[in-house]
Amino acid sequence: MPQPLRPFRFGVNMLTPAPVDEWRAKCRRAEELGYDVITVADHLGMPAPFPSLVAAAEATERPRLGTFVLNAGFWNPALLAREVATTDALTGGRLELGLGTGYVPAEHETAGLPWGSPRERVDHLLRTVEELDRLLSSDEHQPQPAQKPRVPLLIGANGDRMLRLTAEHADIAAFTGARTAEGGTLVPLTAEELDERVALYRESAAGRKEPAELNLLIQIVTVTDDRDVAIEPWLSRIPHLTAQQVLELPIVLVGTLEQIIERVRAQRERYGFSYLTVLEPNMEAFAPVVEALRGE
């Protein structure tokens, strides 16, 4: 029996460091535009997630605040538990914790941290999730009363084992819409490939008491009357696909406002993606879609 459609929720993933006044201003702008979640990535050269989210909380009132997503290989579970508990307290309980395995080997080399095999990275993520559950339920890491609801957990996944882990542990299942190639480059998934990934997740999650929220990270947003011209600058980055194939990728939203709105609705119907995240450079372009679909 199909699950009822969830209301839409929209997030923006902040990528660019900024002085405090500029940072607060763009977080306030995200709130003004109607975004439900302000998130911060976890890459070297980008803002540090936890202090950035505390600053975002001080500048805003309504949006949830999330890590999207922490590279688990950067973090010791006990130290991460302290960061999570403190940040959740300082943001007024608005934190959503996003975790992933990481996908850029060069960042680990720069940080002097082991990269590990895919199995080792997933093993570390699983240990991190289990340790966070244990530590955050104890008084030691609780600045607020222990009966407080746990921080919602988002896991970013694509591979088979990661999808099964996500199905077991995550409140929010975040689909990358891409697979990792050698060297940490991302190769977009076609609509049919994403169908297969979502089907595997749903099979693994069949025994859940409560279905998870499904998230998709949108990479390209362009509101335009000329789709072919708008997509042309991206073709050199995805040389194995034609222009039409790029336009059909689930992580690409290019067209008139009406076309994009209908595509967002269609992808929720097809895959169950009710929570969409866009990248900071697309925050303004996607805002009319947020306004049109808010609460739907």
C-alpha atoms as a PDB file:
ATOM      1  CA  MET A   1       0.000   0.000   0.000  1.00  0.00           C
ATOM      2  CA  PRO A   2       1.567   3.355  -1.012  1.00  0.00           C
ATOM      3  CA  GLN A   3       2.508   5.787   1.733  1.00  0.00           C
ATOM      4  CA  PRO A   4       0.557   9.069   1.889  1.00  0.00           C
ATOM      5  CA  LEU A   5       2.491  12.019   0.490  1.00  0.00           C
ATOM      6  CA  ARG A   6       4.312  14.114   3.082  1.00  0.00           C
ATOM      7  CA  PRO A   7       4.102  17.912   2.991  1.00  0.00           C
ATOM      8  CA  PHE A   8       7.033  19.546   1.266  1.00  0.00           C
ATOM      9  CA  ARG A   9       9.995  20.794   3.245  1.00  0.00           C
ATOM     10  CA  PHE A  10      12.832  22.802   1.712  1.00  0.00           C
ATOM     11  CA  GLY A  11      16.423  23.332   2.809  1.00  0.00           C
ATOM     12  CA  VAL A  12      19.399  25.361   1.641  1.00  0.00           C
ATOM     13  CA  ASN A  13      22.950  24.099   2.109  1.00  0.00           C
ATOM     14  CA  MET A  14      25.348  26.948   2.933  1.00  0.00           C
ATOM     15  CA  LEU A  15      28.784  26.550   1.375  1.00  0.00           C
ATOM     16  CA  THR A  16      30.595  29.895   1.459  1.00  0.00           C
ATOM     17  CA  PRO A  17      32.433  31.257   4.529  1.00  0.00           C
ATOM     18  CA  ALA A  18      31.509  34.810   5.497  1.00  0.00           C
ATOM     19  CA  PRO A  19      32.103  37.369   8.266  1.00  0.00           C
ATOM     20  CA  VAL A  20      29.533  37.279  11.037  1.00  0.00           C
ATOM     21  CA  ASP A  21      27.274  40.070   9.760  1.00  0.00           C
ATOM     22  CA  GLU A  22      27.204  38.659   6.240  1.00  0.00           C
ATOM     23  CA  TRP A  23      26.607  35.130   7.550  1.00  0.00           C
ATOM     24  CA  ARG A  24      23.685  36.249   9.691  1.00  0.00           C
ATOM     25  CA  ALA A  25      22.258  38.288   6.813  1.00  0.00           C
ATOM     26  CA  LYS A  26      22.181  35.363   4.410  1.00  0.00           C
ATOM     27  CA  CYS A  27      20.654  33.088   7.062  1.00  0.00           C
ATOM     28  CA  ARG A  28      17.948  35.696   7.658  1.00  0.00           C
ATOM     29  CA  ARG A  29      17.437  35.862   3.909  1.00  0.00           C
ATOM     30  CA  ALA A  30      16.923  32.084   3.757  1.00  0.00           C
ATOM     31  CA  GLU A  31      14.272  32.426   6.464  1.00  0.00           C
ATOM     32  CA  GLU A  32      12.583  35.315   4.602  1.00  0.00           C
ATOM     33  CA  LEU A  33      12.453  33.204   1.442  1.00  0.00           C
ATOM     34  CA  GLY A  34      10.592  30.469   3.306  1.00  0.00           C
ATOM     35  CA  TYR A  35      13.246  27.784   3.645  1.00  0.00           C
ATOM     36  CA  ASP A  36      12.467  25.302   6.402  1.00  0.00           C
ATOM     37  CA  VAL A  37      16.033  24.157   7.068  1.00  0.00           C
ATOM     38  CA  ILE A  38      19.409  25.901   6.939  1.00  0.00           C
ATOM     39  CA  THR A  39      22.231  23.401   6.646  1.00  0.00           C
ATOM     40  CA  VAL A  40      26.018  23.514   6.506  1.00  0.00           C
ATOM     41  CA  ALA A  41      28.292  21.100   4.669  1.00  0.00           C
ATOM     42  CA  ASP A  42      31.417  19.471   6.149  1.00  0.00           C
ATOM     43  CA  HIS A  43      34.231  20.066   3.664  1.00  0.00           C
ATOM     44  CA  LEU A  44      37.620  21.646   4.205  1.00  0.00           C
ATOM     45  CA  GLY A  45      37.572  25.209   2.922  1.00  0.00           C
ATOM     46  CA  MET A  46      33.897  25.622   3.824  1.00  0.00           C
ATOM     47  CA  PRO A  47      32.369  26.928   7.082  1.00  0.00           C
ATOM     48  CA  ALA A  48      32.811  24.802  10.201  1.00  0.00           C
ATOM     49  CA  PRO A  49      29.371  23.242  10.736  1.00  0.00           C
ATOM     50  CA  PHE A  50      28.600  23.622  14.434  1.00  0.00           C
ATOM     51  CA  PRO A  51      29.619  27.246  15.126  1.00  0.00           C
ATOM     52  CA  SER A  52      28.003  28.236  11.837  1.00  0.00           C
ATOM     53  CA  LEU A  53      24.705  26.686  12.925  1.00  0.00           C
ATOM     54  CA  VAL A  54      24.827  28.422  16.307  1.00  0.00           C
ATOM     55  CA  ALA A  55      25.311  31.743  14.497  1.00  0.00           C
ATOM     56  CA  ALA A  56      22.427  30.873  12.162  1.00  0.00           C
ATOM     57  CA  ALA A  57      20.208  30.184  15.159  1.00  0.00           C
ATOM     58  CA  GLU A  58      21.030  33.580  16.654  1.00  0.00           C
ATOM     59  CA  ALA A  59      20.001  35.275  13.378  1.00  0.00           C
ATOM     60  CA  THR A  60      16.755  33.366  12.760  1.00  0.00           C
ATOM     61  CA  GLU A  61      13.676  32.128  14.574  1.00  0.00           C
ATOM     62  CA  ARG A  62      11.900  29.496  12.509  1.00  0.00           C
ATOM     63  CA  PRO A  63      14.198  27.261  10.388  1.00  0.00           C
ATOM     64  CA  ARG A  64      15.607  23.988  11.586  1.00  0.00           C
ATOM     65  CA  LEU A  65      19.423  23.819  11.473  1.00  0.00           C
ATOM     66  CA  GLY A  66      21.348  20.869  10.131  1.00  0.00           C
ATOM     67  CA  THR A  67      24.684  19.353   9.171  1.00  0.00           C
ATOM     68  CA  PHE A  68      24.484  18.259   5.545  1.00  0.00           C
ATOM     69  CA  VAL A  69      26.334  16.067   6.041  1.00  0.00           C
ATOM     70  CA  LEU A  70      29.126  15.511   8.520  1.00  0.00           C
ATOM     71  CA  ASN A  71      31.998  13.415   7.196  1.00  0.00           C
ATOM     72  CA  ALA A  72      32.006  10.730   9.893  1.00  0.00           C
ATOM     73  CA  GLY A  73      35.698  10.055   9.251  1.00  0.00           C
ATOM     74  CA  PHE A  74      36.532  13.520  10.582  1.00  0.00           C
ATOM     75  CA  TRP A  75      34.880  12.821  13.934  1.00  0.00           C
ATOM     76  CA  ASN A  76      35.491  10.844  17.095  1.00  0.00           C
ATOM     77  CA  PRO A  77      32.048   9.710  18.357  1.00  0.00           C
ATOM     78  CA  ALA A  78      32.578  10.874  21.964  1.00  0.00           C
ATOM     79  CA  LEU A  79      33.719  14.343  20.889  1.00  0.00           C
ATOM     80  CA  LEU A  80      30.946  14.522  18.312  1.00  0.00           C
ATOM     81  CA  ALA A  81      28.357  13.720  20.994  1.00  0.00           C
ATOM     82  CA  ARG A  82      29.558  16.747  22.950  1.00  0.00           C
ATOM     83  CA  GLU A  83      29.275  18.971  19.858  1.00  0.00           C
ATOM     84  CA  VAL A  84      25.794  17.683  19.048  1.00  0.00           C
ATOM     85  CA  ALA A  85      24.427  18.098  22.578  1.00  0.00           C
ATOM     86  CA  THR A  86      25.861  21.588  22.993  1.00  0.00           C
ATOM     87  CA  THR A  87      24.783  22.775  19.551  1.00  0.00           C
ATOM     88  CA  ASP A  88      21.273  21.424  20.030  1.00  0.00           C
ATOM     89  CA  ALA A  89      21.046  23.290  23.335  1.00  0.00           C
ATOM     90  CA  LEU A  90      22.416  26.548  21.891  1.00  0.00           C
ATOM     91  CA  THR A  91      20.071  26.404  18.899  1.00  0.00           C
ATOM     92  CA  GLY A  92      17.009  25.890  21.073  1.00  0.00           C
ATOM     93  CA  GLY A  93      16.468  22.286  20.036  1.00  0.00           C
ATOM     94  CA  ARG A  94      16.433  23.102  16.318  1.00  0.00           C
ATOM     95  CA  LEU A  95      19.347  20.840  15.334  1.00  0.00           C
ATOM     96  CA  GLU A  96      19.076  18.050  12.762  1.00  0.00           C
ATOM     97  CA  LEU A  97      22.180  15.867  12.591  1.00  0.00           C
ATOM     98  CA  GLY A  98      23.249  14.714   9.136  1.00  0.00           C
ATOM     99  CA  LEU A  99      25.962  12.064   8.760  1.00  0.00           C
ATOM    100  CA  GLY A 100      27.738  10.452   5.811  1.00  0.00           C
ATOM    101  CA  THR A 101      30.900   8.520   5.071  1.00  0.00           C
ATOM    102  CA  GLY A 102      32.653  11.277   3.123  1.00  0.00           C
ATOM    103  CA  TYR A 103      33.686  10.907  -0.503  1.00  0.00           C
ATOM    104  CA  VAL A 104      36.797  13.078  -1.054  1.00  0.00           C
ATOM    105  CA  PRO A 105      40.065  11.224  -0.287  1.00  0.00           C
ATOM    106  CA  ALA A 106      42.150  14.401  -0.682  1.00  0.00           C
ATOM    107  CA  GLU A 107      40.389  15.997   2.301  1.00  0.00           C
ATOM    108  CA  HIS A 108      41.454  13.128   4.546  1.00  0.00           C
ATOM    109  CA  GLU A 109      45.011  13.403   3.261  1.00  0.00           C
ATOM    110  CA  THR A 110      45.052  17.150   3.997  1.00  0.00           C
ATOM    111  CA  ALA A 111      43.656  16.530   7.481  1.00  0.00           C
ATOM    112  CA  GLY A 112      46.148  13.730   8.181  1.00  0.00           C
ATOM    113  CA  LEU A 113      43.336  11.236   8.681  1.00  0.00           C
ATOM    114  CA  PRO A 114      43.092   7.707   7.261  1.00  0.00           C
ATOM    115  CA  TRP A 115      40.762   7.308   4.272  1.00  0.00           C
ATOM    116  CA  GLY A 116      40.043   3.603   4.589  1.00  0.00           C
ATOM    117  CA  SER A 117      38.195   1.184   2.355  1.00  0.00           C
ATOM    118  CA  PRO A 118      34.469   1.600   1.661  1.00  0.00           C
ATOM    119  CA  ARG A 119      33.760  -1.124   4.216  1.00  0.00           C
ATOM    120  CA  GLU A 120      35.903   0.592   6.854  1.00  0.00           C
ATOM    121  CA  ARG A 121      34.209   3.944   6.263  1.00  0.00           C
ATOM    122  CA  VAL A 122      30.735   2.444   6.595  1.00  0.00           C
ATOM    123  CA  ASP A 123      31.844   0.522   9.697  1.00  0.00           C
ATOM    124  CA  HIS A 124      33.007   3.788  11.263  1.00  0.00           C
ATOM    125  CA  LEU A 125      29.734   5.501  10.414  1.00  0.00           C
ATOM    126  CA  LEU A 126      27.756   2.670  12.001  1.00  0.00           C
ATOM    127  CA  ARG A 127      29.895   2.829  15.158  1.00  0.00           C
ATOM    128  CA  THR A 128      29.380   6.586  15.244  1.00  0.00           C
ATOM    129  CA  VAL A 129      25.587   6.242  15.012  1.00  0.00           C
ATOM    130  CA  GLU A 130      25.503   3.579  17.726  1.00  0.00           C
ATOM    131  CA  GLU A 131      27.813   5.540  20.037  1.00  0.00           C
ATOM    132  CA  LEU A 132      25.822   8.741  19.565  1.00  0.00           C
ATOM    133  CA  ASP A 133      22.640   6.888  20.507  1.00  0.00           C
ATOM    134  CA  ARG A 134      24.309   5.610  23.654  1.00  0.00           C
ATOM    135  CA  LEU A 135      26.107   8.805  24.652  1.00  0.00           C
ATOM    136  CA  LEU A 136      23.300  11.241  23.924  1.00  0.00           C
ATOM    137  CA  SER A 137      20.873   9.206  26.006  1.00  0.00           C
ATOM    138  CA  SER A 138      23.147   9.510  29.063  1.00  0.00           C
ATOM    139  CA  ASP A 139      23.196  12.430  31.487  1.00  0.00           C
ATOM    140  CA  GLU A 140      26.880  13.116  30.760  1.00  0.00           C
ATOM    141  CA  HIS A 141      26.165  14.765  27.393  1.00  0.00           C
ATOM    142  CA  GLN A 142      22.804  16.305  28.223  1.00  0.00           C
ATOM    143  CA  PRO A 143      22.831  20.055  28.920  1.00  0.00           C
ATOM    144  CA  GLN A 144      19.024  19.815  28.851  1.00  0.00           C
ATOM    145  CA  PRO A 145      16.704  17.276  30.527  1.00  0.00           C
ATOM    146  CA  ALA A 146      17.316  13.681  29.488  1.00  0.00           C
ATOM    147  CA  GLN A 147      13.667  13.204  28.491  1.00  0.00           C
ATOM    148  CA  LYS A 148      14.114  15.710  25.663  1.00  0.00           C
ATOM    149  CA  PRO A 149      13.456  14.095  22.234  1.00  0.00           C
ATOM    150  CA  ARG A 150      16.583  12.961  20.439  1.00  0.00           C
ATOM    151  CA  VAL A 151      18.088  15.046  17.680  1.00  0.00           C
ATOM    152  CA  PRO A 152      16.619  13.889  14.331  1.00  0.00           C
ATOM    153  CA  LEU A 153      19.181  11.855  12.385  1.00  0.00           C
ATOM    154  CA  LEU A 154      19.686  12.226   8.632  1.00  0.00           C
ATOM    155  CA  ILE A 155      22.006   9.839   6.808  1.00  0.00           C
ATOM    156  CA  GLY A 156      23.235  10.502   3.281  1.00  0.00           C
ATOM    157  CA  ALA A 157      23.497   7.277   1.300  1.00  0.00           C
ATOM    158  CA  ASN A 158      23.666   5.633  -2.099  1.00  0.00           C
ATOM    159  CA  GLY A 159      25.419   2.254  -1.797  1.00  0.00           C
ATOM    160  CA  ASP A 160      23.619  -0.949  -0.839  1.00  0.00           C
ATOM    161  CA  ARG A 161      24.980  -1.266   2.697  1.00  0.00           C
ATOM    162  CA  MET A 162      24.555   2.436   3.406  1.00  0.00           C
ATOM    163  CA  LEU A 163      20.929   2.323   2.289  1.00  0.00           C
ATOM    164  CA  ARG A 164      20.254  -0.621   4.604  1.00  0.00           C
ATOM    165  CA  LEU A 165      21.956   1.213   7.474  1.00  0.00           C
ATOM    166  CA  THR A 166      19.900   4.310   6.702  1.00  0.00           C
ATOM    167  CA  ALA A 167      16.702   2.282   6.643  1.00  0.00           C
ATOM    168  CA  GLU A 168      17.467   0.957  10.128  1.00  0.00           C
ATOM    169  CA  HIS A 169      18.697   4.095  11.866  1.00  0.00           C
ATOM    170  CA  ALA A 170      17.763   7.356  10.135  1.00  0.00           C
ATOM    171  CA  ASP A 171      14.757   9.609  10.622  1.00  0.00           C
ATOM    172  CA  ILE A 172      15.593  11.236   7.282  1.00  0.00           C
ATOM    173  CA  ALA A 173      16.989   9.257   4.345  1.00  0.00           C
ATOM    174  CA  ALA A 174      19.012  11.591   2.120  1.00  0.00           C
ATOM    175  CA  PHE A 175      19.692  10.388  -1.412  1.00  0.00           C
ATOM    176  CA  THR A 176      22.741  11.921  -3.065  1.00  0.00           C
ATOM    177  CA  GLY A 177      21.391  11.404  -6.580  1.00  0.00           C
ATOM    178  CA  ALA A 178      24.930  10.466  -7.603  1.00  0.00           C
ATOM    179  CA  ARG A 179      27.476   7.718  -7.137  1.00  0.00           C
ATOM    180  CA  THR A 180      31.103   8.268  -6.200  1.00  0.00           C
ATOM    181  CA  ALA A 181      33.713   7.613  -8.867  1.00  0.00           C
ATOM    182  CA  GLU A 182      37.482   7.300  -8.431  1.00  0.00           C
ATOM    183  CA  GLY A 183      39.075  10.299  -6.751  1.00  0.00           C
ATOM    184  CA  GLY A 184      35.857  11.467  -5.102  1.00  0.00           C
ATOM    185  CA  THR A 185      34.095  12.773  -8.206  1.00  0.00           C
ATOM    186  CA  LEU A 186      30.325  12.352  -8.359  1.00  0.00           C
ATOM    187  CA  VAL A 187      28.512  10.781 -11.307  1.00  0.00           C
ATOM    188  CA  PRO A 188      24.783  11.677 -11.456  1.00  0.00           C
ATOM    189  CA  LEU A 189      22.208   8.901 -11.299  1.00  0.00           C
ATOM    190  CA  THR A 190      19.629   8.665 -14.037  1.00  0.00           C
ATOM    191  CA  ALA A 191      15.948   8.585 -13.108  1.00  0.00           C
ATOM    192  CA  GLU A 192      15.892   4.820 -13.579  1.00  0.00           C
ATOM    193  CA  GLU A 193      19.017   4.298 -11.460  1.00  0.00           C
ATOM    194  CA  LEU A 194      17.482   6.384  -8.688  1.00  0.00           C
ATOM    195  CA  ASP A 195      14.288   4.295  -8.957  1.00  0.00           C
ATOM    196  CA  GLU A 196      16.399   1.240  -8.161  1.00  0.00           C
ATOM    197  CA  ARG A 197      18.149   2.925  -5.204  1.00  0.00           C
ATOM    198  CA  VAL A 198      14.861   4.081  -3.681  1.00  0.00           C
ATOM    199  CA  ALA A 199      13.349   0.620  -4.208  1.00  0.00           C
ATOM    200  CA  LEU A 200      16.253  -0.986  -2.312  1.00  0.00           C
ATOM    201  CA  TYR A 201      15.842   1.513   0.506  1.00  0.00           C
ATOM    202  CA  ARG A 202      12.094   0.872   0.719  1.00  0.00           C
ATOM    203  CA  GLU A 203      12.635  -2.880   0.784  1.00  0.00           C
ATOM    204  CA  SER A 204      15.131  -2.471   3.627  1.00  0.00           C
ATOM    205  CA  ALA A 205      12.815  -0.093   5.509  1.00  0.00           C
ATOM    206  CA  ALA A 206       9.691  -2.248   5.172  1.00  0.00           C
ATOM    207  CA  GLY A 207       9.702  -3.182   8.864  1.00  0.00           C
ATOM    208  CA  ARG A 208       9.926   0.370  10.235  1.00  0.00           C
ATOM    209  CA  LYS A 209       7.256   1.517  12.662  1.00  0.00           C
ATOM    210  CA  GLU A 210       7.346   5.045  11.218  1.00  0.00           C
ATOM    211  CA  PRO A 211       8.447   5.784   7.654  1.00  0.00           C
ATOM    212  CA  ALA A 212      11.404   8.106   7.290  1.00  0.00           C
ATOM    213  CA  GLU A 213      11.313  11.407   5.466  1.00  0.00           C
ATOM    214  CA  LEU A 214      13.055  11.168   2.068  1.00  0.00           C
ATOM    215  CA  ASN A 215      15.434  13.906   0.962  1.00  0.00           C
ATOM    216  CA  LEU A 216      17.106  14.709  -2.353  1.00  0.00           C
ATOM    217  CA  LEU A 217      19.961  17.190  -2.902  1.00  0.00           C
ATOM    218  CA  ILE A 218      19.280  19.235  -6.044  1.00  0.00           C
ATOM    219  CA  GLN A 219      22.478  20.298  -7.825  1.00  0.00           C
ATOM    220  CA  ILE A 220      21.248  22.573 -10.628  1.00  0.00           C
ATOM    221  CA  VAL A 221      18.346  25.056 -10.533  1.00  0.00           C
ATOM    222  CA  THR A 222      17.662  27.451 -13.403  1.00  0.00           C
ATOM    223  CA  VAL A 223      14.354  29.183 -14.100  1.00  0.00           C
ATOM    224  CA  THR A 224      14.307  29.805 -17.855  1.00  0.00           C
ATOM    225  CA  ASP A 225      12.232  29.709 -21.029  1.00  0.00           C
ATOM    226  CA  ASP A 226      15.133  28.133 -22.951  1.00  0.00           C
ATOM    227  CA  ARG A 227      16.180  24.876 -21.329  1.00  0.00           C
ATOM    228  CA  ASP A 228      18.729  23.938 -24.005  1.00  0.00           C
ATOM    229  CA  VAL A 229      20.678  27.179 -23.663  1.00  0.00           C
ATOM    230  CA  ALA A 230      20.531  27.053 -19.847  1.00  0.00           C
ATOM    231  CA  ILE A 231      21.928  23.527 -19.623  1.00  0.00           C
ATOM    232  CA  GLU A 232      24.741  24.033 -22.130  1.00  0.00           C
ATOM    233  CA  PRO A 233      27.386  25.258 -19.601  1.00  0.00           C
ATOM    234  CA  TRP A 234      26.928  22.033 -17.623  1.00  0.00           C
ATOM    235  CA  LEU A 235      27.423  19.587 -20.499  1.00  0.00           C
ATOM    236  CA  SER A 236      31.228  19.634 -20.339  1.00  0.00           C
ATOM    237  CA  ARG A 237      31.033  18.489 -16.698  1.00  0.00           C
ATOM    238  CA  ILE A 238      28.850  15.494 -17.610  1.00  0.00           C
ATOM    239  CA  PRO A 239      30.298  14.555 -21.012  1.00  0.00           C
ATOM    240  CA  HIS A 240      28.793  11.066 -21.172  1.00  0.00           C
ATOM    241  CA  LEU A 241      25.232  12.450 -21.268  1.00  0.00           C
ATOM    242  CA  THR A 242      23.334  14.355 -23.933  1.00  0.00           C
ATOM    243  CA  ALA A 243      21.616  17.663 -23.170  1.00  0.00           C
ATOM    244  CA  GLN A 244      18.246  15.920 -22.970  1.00  0.00           C
ATOM    245  CA  GLN A 245      19.626  13.268 -20.616  1.00  0.00           C
ATOM    246  CA  VAL A 246      21.057  15.958 -18.328  1.00  0.00           C
ATOM    247  CA  LEU A 247      17.706  17.758 -18.256  1.00  0.00           C
ATOM    248  CA  GLU A 248      16.041  14.503 -17.189  1.00  0.00           C
ATOM    249  CA  LEU A 249      18.394  13.904 -14.226  1.00  0.00           C
ATOM    250  CA  PRO A 250      16.487  13.982 -10.898  1.00  0.00           C
ATOM    251  CA  ILE A 251      19.056  16.403  -9.418  1.00  0.00           C
ATOM    252  CA  VAL A 252      18.487  18.948 -12.221  1.00  0.00           C
ATOM    253  CA  LEU A 253      15.600  21.440 -12.208  1.00  0.00           C
ATOM    254  CA  VAL A 254      15.724  23.585 -15.359  1.00  0.00           C
ATOM    255  CA  GLY A 255      12.710  25.169 -17.067  1.00  0.00           C
ATOM    256  CA  THR A 256       9.969  27.664 -16.485  1.00  0.00           C
ATOM    257  CA  LEU A 257       8.726  28.122 -12.930  1.00  0.00           C
ATOM    258  CA  GLU A 258       5.605  26.120 -13.787  1.00  0.00           C
ATOM    259  CA  GLN A 259       7.684  23.284 -15.283  1.00  0.00           C
ATOM    260  CA  ILE A 260       9.933  23.108 -12.217  1.00  0.00           C
ATOM    261  CA  ILE A 261       6.984  23.113  -9.808  1.00  0.00           C
ATOM    262  CA  GLU A 262       5.339  20.253 -11.686  1.00  0.00           C
ATOM    263  CA  ARG A 263       8.619  18.334 -11.816  1.00  0.00           C
ATOM    264  CA  VAL A 264       9.062  18.687  -8.046  1.00  0.00           C
ATOM    265  CA  ARG A 265       5.534  17.361  -7.544  1.00  0.00           C
ATOM    266  CA  ALA A 266       6.150  14.510  -9.981  1.00  0.00           C
ATOM    267  CA  GLN A 267       9.354  13.473  -8.222  1.00  0.00           C
ATOM    268  CA  ARG A 268       7.579  13.394  -4.867  1.00  0.00           C
ATOM    269  CA  GLU A 269       4.941  11.160  -6.450  1.00  0.00           C
ATOM    270  CA  ARG A 270       7.520   8.906  -8.119  1.00  0.00           C
ATOM    271  CA  TYR A 271      10.180   8.603  -5.417  1.00  0.00           C
ATOM    272  CA  GLY A 272       8.672  10.043  -2.239  1.00  0.00           C
ATOM    273  CA  PHE A 273      11.036  13.027  -2.028  1.00  0.00           C
ATOM    274  CA  SER A 274       9.184  15.558   0.095  1.00  0.00           C
ATOM    275  CA  TYR A 275      12.299  17.239   1.533  1.00  0.00           C
ATOM    276  CA  LEU A 276      14.455  18.947  -1.085  1.00  0.00           C
ATOM    277  CA  THR A 277      17.765  20.685  -0.431  1.00  0.00           C
ATOM    278  CA  VAL A 278      19.358  23.173  -2.815  1.00  0.00           C
ATOM    279  CA  LEU A 279      22.866  24.582  -2.774  1.00  0.00           C
ATOM    280  CA  GLU A 280      23.519  28.122  -1.557  1.00  0.00           C
ATOM    281  CA  PRO A 281      24.108  29.568  -5.074  1.00  0.00           C
ATOM    282  CA  ASN A 282      20.585  28.412  -6.028  1.00  0.00           C
ATOM    283  CA  MET A 283      18.831  29.811  -2.946  1.00  0.00           C
ATOM    284  CA  GLU A 284      17.267  32.817  -4.698  1.00  0.00           C
ATOM    285  CA  ALA A 285      16.433  30.975  -7.943  1.00  0.00           C
ATOM    286  CA  PHE A 286      14.566  28.216  -6.101  1.00  0.00           C
ATOM    287  CA  ALA A 287      12.694  30.567  -3.751  1.00  0.00           C
ATOM    288  CA  PRO A 288       9.607  30.955  -6.020  1.00  0.00           C
ATOM    289  CA  VAL A 289       9.237  27.155  -5.958  1.00  0.00           C
ATOM    290  CA  VAL A 290       9.389  27.205  -2.159  1.00  0.00           C
ATOM    291  CA  GLU A 291       6.721  29.895  -2.089  1.00  0.00           C
ATOM    292  CA  ALA A 292       4.460  28.032  -4.525  1.00  0.00           C
ATOM    293  CA  LEU A 293       4.694  24.671  -2.736  1.00  0.00           C
ATOM    294  CA  ARG A 294       4.952  25.713   0.903  1.00  0.00           C
ATOM    295  CA  GLY A 295       2.626  23.575   2.989  1.00  0.00           C
ATOM    296  CA  GLU A 296       1.451  21.465   0.039  1.00  0.00           C
END
